[in-house]
Amino acid sequence: MTEWLREKALYRARERKVRMNIMVPVSLRDASRQQGINVSKVATEALAELLG
């Protein structure tokens, strides 16, 4: 059990998330809501791609 807790702690430290505010036009926000697009996920993937 201790090993599992250690692995969980390492995973959580590696995958820690922070809250960031981004500004998008209202029209894009509305369109993304209508289409069920997760803006946070899209922004995260785009940033990861830009950073390599």
PDB file of N, CA and C in Angstrom:
ATOM      1  N   MET A   1       0.821  -1.197   0.000  1.00  0.00           N
ATOM      2  CA  MET A   1       0.000   0.000   0.000  1.00  0.00           C
ATOM      3  C   MET A   1       0.866   1.262   0.000  1.00  0.00           C
ATOM      4  N   THR A   2       1.962   1.246   0.709  1.00  0.00           N
ATOM      5  CA  THR A   2       2.837   2.409   0.771  1.00  0.00           C
ATOM      6  C   THR A   2       3.404   2.740  -0.602  1.00  0.00           C
ATOM      7  N   GLU A   3       3.761   1.706  -1.357  1.00  0.00           N
ATOM      8  CA  GLU A   3       4.295   1.923  -2.709  1.00  0.00           C
ATOM      9  C   GLU A   3       3.247   2.588  -3.596  1.00  0.00           C
ATOM     10  N   TRP A   4       1.993   2.160  -3.463  1.00  0.00           N
ATOM     11  CA  TRP A   4       0.910   2.732  -4.250  1.00  0.00           C
ATOM     12  C   TRP A   4       0.749   4.217  -3.910  1.00  0.00           C
ATOM     13  N   LEU A   5       0.822   4.550  -2.631  1.00  0.00           N
ATOM     14  CA  LEU A   5       0.693   5.946  -2.221  1.00  0.00           C
ATOM     15  C   LEU A   5       1.835   6.791  -2.775  1.00  0.00           C
ATOM     16  N   ARG A   6       3.049   6.220  -2.784  1.00  0.00           N
ATOM     17  CA  ARG A   6       4.205   6.921  -3.327  1.00  0.00           C
ATOM     18  C   ARG A   6       4.008   7.191  -4.821  1.00  0.00           C
ATOM     19  N   GLU A   7       3.542   6.177  -5.547  1.00  0.00           N
ATOM     20  CA  GLU A   7       3.297   6.335  -6.982  1.00  0.00           C
ATOM     21  C   GLU A   7       2.219   7.382  -7.238  1.00  0.00           C
ATOM     22  N   LYS A   8       1.190   7.370  -6.436  1.00  0.00           N
ATOM     23  CA  LYS A   8       0.108   8.340  -6.575  1.00  0.00           C
ATOM     24  C   LYS A   8       0.625   9.758  -6.329  1.00  0.00           C
ATOM     25  N   ALA A   9       1.460   9.933  -5.326  1.00  0.00           N
ATOM     26  CA  ALA A   9       2.020  11.247  -5.016  1.00  0.00           C
ATOM     27  C   ALA A   9       2.899  11.739  -6.159  1.00  0.00           C
ATOM     28  N   LEU A  10       3.700  10.860  -6.747  1.00  0.00           N
ATOM     29  CA  LEU A  10       4.544  11.241  -7.881  1.00  0.00           C
ATOM     30  C   LEU A  10       3.691  11.641  -9.081  1.00  0.00           C
ATOM     31  N   TYR A  11       2.634  10.884  -9.341  1.00  0.00           N
ATOM     32  CA  TYR A  11       1.742  11.193 -10.454  1.00  0.00           C
ATOM     33  C   TYR A  11       1.078  12.559 -10.252  1.00  0.00           C
ATOM     34  N   ARG A  12       0.594  12.808  -9.048  1.00  0.00           N
ATOM     35  CA  ARG A  12      -0.081  14.077  -8.770  1.00  0.00           C
ATOM     36  C   ARG A  12       0.867  15.255  -8.885  1.00  0.00           C
ATOM     37  N   ALA A  13       2.113  15.074  -8.467  1.00  0.00           N
ATOM     38  CA  ALA A  13       3.097  16.156  -8.571  1.00  0.00           C
ATOM     39  C   ALA A  13       3.415  16.442 -10.030  1.00  0.00           C
ATOM     40  N   ARG A  14       3.492  15.407 -10.842  1.00  0.00           N
ATOM     41  CA  ARG A  14       3.813  15.555 -12.259  1.00  0.00           C
ATOM     42  C   ARG A  14       2.642  16.161 -13.035  1.00  0.00           C
ATOM     43  N   GLU A  15       1.441  15.822 -12.658  1.00  0.00           N
ATOM     44  CA  GLU A  15       0.246  16.257 -13.382  1.00  0.00           C
ATOM     45  C   GLU A  15      -0.475  17.418 -12.695  1.00  0.00           C
ATOM     46  N   ARG A  16       0.217  18.134 -11.835  1.00  0.00           N
ATOM     47  CA  ARG A  16      -0.396  19.256 -11.124  1.00  0.00           C
ATOM     48  C   ARG A  16      -0.895  20.303 -12.105  1.00  0.00           C
ATOM     49  N   LYS A  17      -2.037  20.848 -11.847  1.00  0.00           N
ATOM     50  CA  LYS A  17      -2.645  21.833 -12.734  1.00  0.00           C
ATOM     51  C   LYS A  17      -2.788  23.166 -12.016  1.00  0.00           C
ATOM     52  N   VAL A  18      -2.745  24.231 -12.784  1.00  0.00           N
ATOM     53  CA  VAL A  18      -2.952  25.574 -12.244  1.00  0.00           C
ATOM     54  C   VAL A  18      -4.082  26.244 -13.014  1.00  0.00           C
ATOM     55  N   ARG A  19      -4.730  27.166 -12.383  1.00  0.00           N
ATOM     56  CA  ARG A  19      -5.821  27.896 -13.035  1.00  0.00           C
ATOM     57  C   ARG A  19      -5.239  29.101 -13.759  1.00  0.00           C
ATOM     58  N   MET A  20      -5.621  29.242 -15.039  1.00  0.00           N
ATOM     59  CA  MET A  20      -5.190  30.392 -15.835  1.00  0.00           C
ATOM     60  C   MET A  20      -6.423  30.997 -16.491  1.00  0.00           C
ATOM     61  N   ASN A  21      -6.439  32.298 -16.595  1.00  0.00           N
ATOM     62  CA  ASN A  21      -7.534  32.976 -17.283  1.00  0.00           C
ATOM     63  C   ASN A  21      -7.098  33.303 -18.705  1.00  0.00           C
ATOM     64  N   ILE A  22      -7.945  33.005 -19.667  1.00  0.00           N
ATOM     65  CA  ILE A  22      -7.678  33.386 -21.048  1.00  0.00           C
ATOM     66  C   ILE A  22      -8.863  34.203 -21.542  1.00  0.00           C
ATOM     67  N   MET A  23      -8.595  35.091 -22.458  1.00  0.00           N
ATOM     68  CA  MET A  23      -9.643  35.939 -23.009  1.00  0.00           C
ATOM     69  C   MET A  23      -9.968  35.461 -24.420  1.00  0.00           C
ATOM     70  N   VAL A  24     -11.245  35.199 -24.679  1.00  0.00           N
ATOM     71  CA  VAL A  24     -11.696  34.824 -26.016  1.00  0.00           C
ATOM     72  C   VAL A  24     -12.915  35.681 -26.354  1.00  0.00           C
ATOM     73  N   PRO A  25     -13.100  35.942 -27.617  1.00  0.00           N
ATOM     74  CA  PRO A  25     -14.285  36.710 -28.013  1.00  0.00           C
ATOM     75  C   PRO A  25     -15.572  35.959 -27.647  1.00  0.00           C
ATOM     76  N   VAL A  26     -16.593  36.723 -27.333  1.00  0.00           N
ATOM     77  CA  VAL A  26     -17.883  36.149 -26.938  1.00  0.00           C
ATOM     78  C   VAL A  26     -18.424  35.223 -28.025  1.00  0.00           C
ATOM     79  N   SER A  27     -18.238  35.595 -29.278  1.00  0.00           N
ATOM     80  CA  SER A  27     -18.755  34.766 -30.370  1.00  0.00           C
ATOM     81  C   SER A  27     -18.094  33.386 -30.379  1.00  0.00           C
ATOM     82  N   LEU A  28     -16.776  33.336 -30.097  1.00  0.00           N
ATOM     83  CA  LEU A  28     -16.095  32.045 -30.035  1.00  0.00           C
ATOM     84  C   LEU A  28     -16.543  31.241 -28.820  1.00  0.00           C
ATOM     85  N   ARG A  29     -16.745  31.911 -27.710  1.00  0.00           N
ATOM     86  CA  ARG A  29     -17.238  31.229 -26.511  1.00  0.00           C
ATOM     87  C   ARG A  29     -18.605  30.604 -26.760  1.00  0.00           C
ATOM     88  N   ASP A  30     -19.493  31.376 -27.371  1.00  0.00           N
ATOM     89  CA  ASP A  30     -20.833  30.878 -27.653  1.00  0.00           C
ATOM     90  C   ASP A  30     -20.807  29.701 -28.628  1.00  0.00           C
ATOM     91  N   ALA A  31     -20.000  29.822 -29.680  1.00  0.00           N
ATOM     92  CA  ALA A  31     -19.906  28.750 -30.671  1.00  0.00           C
ATOM     93  C   ALA A  31     -19.332  27.482 -30.042  1.00  0.00           C
ATOM     94  N   SER A  32     -18.340  27.626 -29.176  1.00  0.00           N
ATOM     95  CA  SER A  32     -17.746  26.444 -28.539  1.00  0.00           C
ATOM     96  C   SER A  32     -18.756  25.778 -27.605  1.00  0.00           C
ATOM     97  N   ARG A  33     -19.565  26.552 -26.934  1.00  0.00           N
ATOM     98  CA  ARG A  33     -20.596  25.981 -26.059  1.00  0.00           C
ATOM     99  C   ARG A  33     -21.641  25.223 -26.872  1.00  0.00           C
ATOM    100  N   GLN A  34     -22.034  25.797 -27.995  1.00  0.00           N
ATOM    101  CA  GLN A  34     -23.041  25.149 -28.834  1.00  0.00           C
ATOM    102  C   GLN A  34     -22.541  23.828 -29.402  1.00  0.00           C
ATOM    103  N   GLN A  35     -21.248  23.764 -29.706  1.00  0.00           N
ATOM    104  CA  GLN A  35     -20.675  22.553 -30.296  1.00  0.00           C
ATOM    105  C   GLN A  35     -20.102  21.596 -29.246  1.00  0.00           C
ATOM    106  N   GLY A  36     -20.165  21.985 -27.977  1.00  0.00           N
ATOM    107  CA  GLY A  36     -19.681  21.119 -26.905  1.00  0.00           C
ATOM    108  C   GLY A  36     -18.172  20.981 -26.865  1.00  0.00           C
ATOM    109  N   ILE A  37     -17.463  22.041 -27.266  1.00  0.00           N
ATOM    110  CA  ILE A  37     -15.998  22.018 -27.287  1.00  0.00           C
ATOM    111  C   ILE A  37     -15.472  22.458 -25.931  1.00  0.00           C
ATOM    112  N   ASN A  38     -14.540  21.691 -25.383  1.00  0.00           N
ATOM    113  CA  ASN A  38     -13.900  22.020 -24.113  1.00  0.00           C
ATOM    114  C   ASN A  38     -12.739  22.967 -24.412  1.00  0.00           C
ATOM    115  N   VAL A  39     -12.936  24.243 -24.171  1.00  0.00           N
ATOM    116  CA  VAL A  39     -11.946  25.274 -24.510  1.00  0.00           C
ATOM    117  C   VAL A  39     -10.651  25.065 -23.719  1.00  0.00           C
ATOM    118  N   SER A  40     -10.761  24.668 -22.479  1.00  0.00           N
ATOM    119  CA  SER A  40      -9.571  24.434 -21.658  1.00  0.00           C
ATOM    120  C   SER A  40      -8.715  23.320 -22.250  1.00  0.00           C
ATOM    121  N   LYS A  41      -9.357  22.252 -22.689  1.00  0.00           N
ATOM    122  CA  LYS A  41      -8.623  21.135 -23.288  1.00  0.00           C
ATOM    123  C   LYS A  41      -7.947  21.566 -24.586  1.00  0.00           C
ATOM    124  N   VAL A  42      -8.663  22.312 -25.408  1.00  0.00           N
ATOM    125  CA  VAL A  42      -8.105  22.780 -26.680  1.00  0.00           C
ATOM    126  C   VAL A  42      -6.912  23.708 -26.434  1.00  0.00           C
ATOM    127  N   ALA A  43      -7.045  24.609 -25.474  1.00  0.00           N
ATOM    128  CA  ALA A  43      -5.956  25.529 -25.164  1.00  0.00           C
ATOM    129  C   ALA A  43      -4.737  24.783 -24.619  1.00  0.00           C
ATOM    130  N   THR A  44      -4.969  23.784 -23.774  1.00  0.00           N
ATOM    131  CA  THR A  44      -3.872  22.989 -23.218  1.00  0.00           C
ATOM    132  C   THR A  44      -3.138  22.237 -24.317  1.00  0.00           C
ATOM    133  N   GLU A  45      -3.878  21.597 -25.222  1.00  0.00           N
ATOM    134  CA  GLU A  45      -3.255  20.846 -26.312  1.00  0.00           C
ATOM    135  C   GLU A  45      -2.486  21.767 -27.256  1.00  0.00           C
ATOM    136  N   ALA A  46      -3.042  22.948 -27.542  1.00  0.00           N
ATOM    137  CA  ALA A  46      -2.374  23.896 -28.433  1.00  0.00           C
ATOM    138  C   ALA A  46      -1.075  24.413 -27.799  1.00  0.00           C
ATOM    139  N   LEU A  47      -1.112  24.711 -26.524  1.00  0.00           N
ATOM    140  CA  LEU A  47       0.083  25.180 -25.829  1.00  0.00           C
ATOM    141  C   LEU A  47       1.169  24.098 -25.800  1.00  0.00           C
ATOM    142  N   ALA A  48       0.757  22.862 -25.535  1.00  0.00           N
ATOM    143  CA  ALA A  48       1.707  21.739 -25.503  1.00  0.00           C
ATOM    144  C   ALA A  48       2.349  21.551 -26.873  1.00  0.00           C
ATOM    145  N   GLU A  49       1.559  21.724 -27.928  1.00  0.00           N
ATOM    146  CA  GLU A  49       2.081  21.586 -29.287  1.00  0.00           C
ATOM    147  C   GLU A  49       3.085  22.699 -29.610  1.00  0.00           C
ATOM    148  N   LEU A  50       2.759  23.923 -29.210  1.00  0.00           N
ATOM    149  CA  LEU A  50       3.666  25.041 -29.456  1.00  0.00           C
ATOM    150  C   LEU A  50       4.996  24.892 -28.720  1.00  0.00           C
ATOM    151  N   LEU A  51       4.928  24.339 -27.511  1.00  0.00           N
ATOM    152  CA  LEU A  51       6.123  24.179 -26.699  1.00  0.00           C
ATOM    153  C   LEU A  51       6.945  22.946 -27.084  1.00  0.00           C
ATOM    154  N   GLY A  52       6.367  22.122 -27.919  1.00  0.00           N
ATOM    155  CA  GLY A  52       7.100  20.963 -28.440  1.00  0.00           C
ATOM    156  C   GLY A  52       6.954  19.801 -27.592  1.00  0.00           C
TER     157      GLY A  52
END
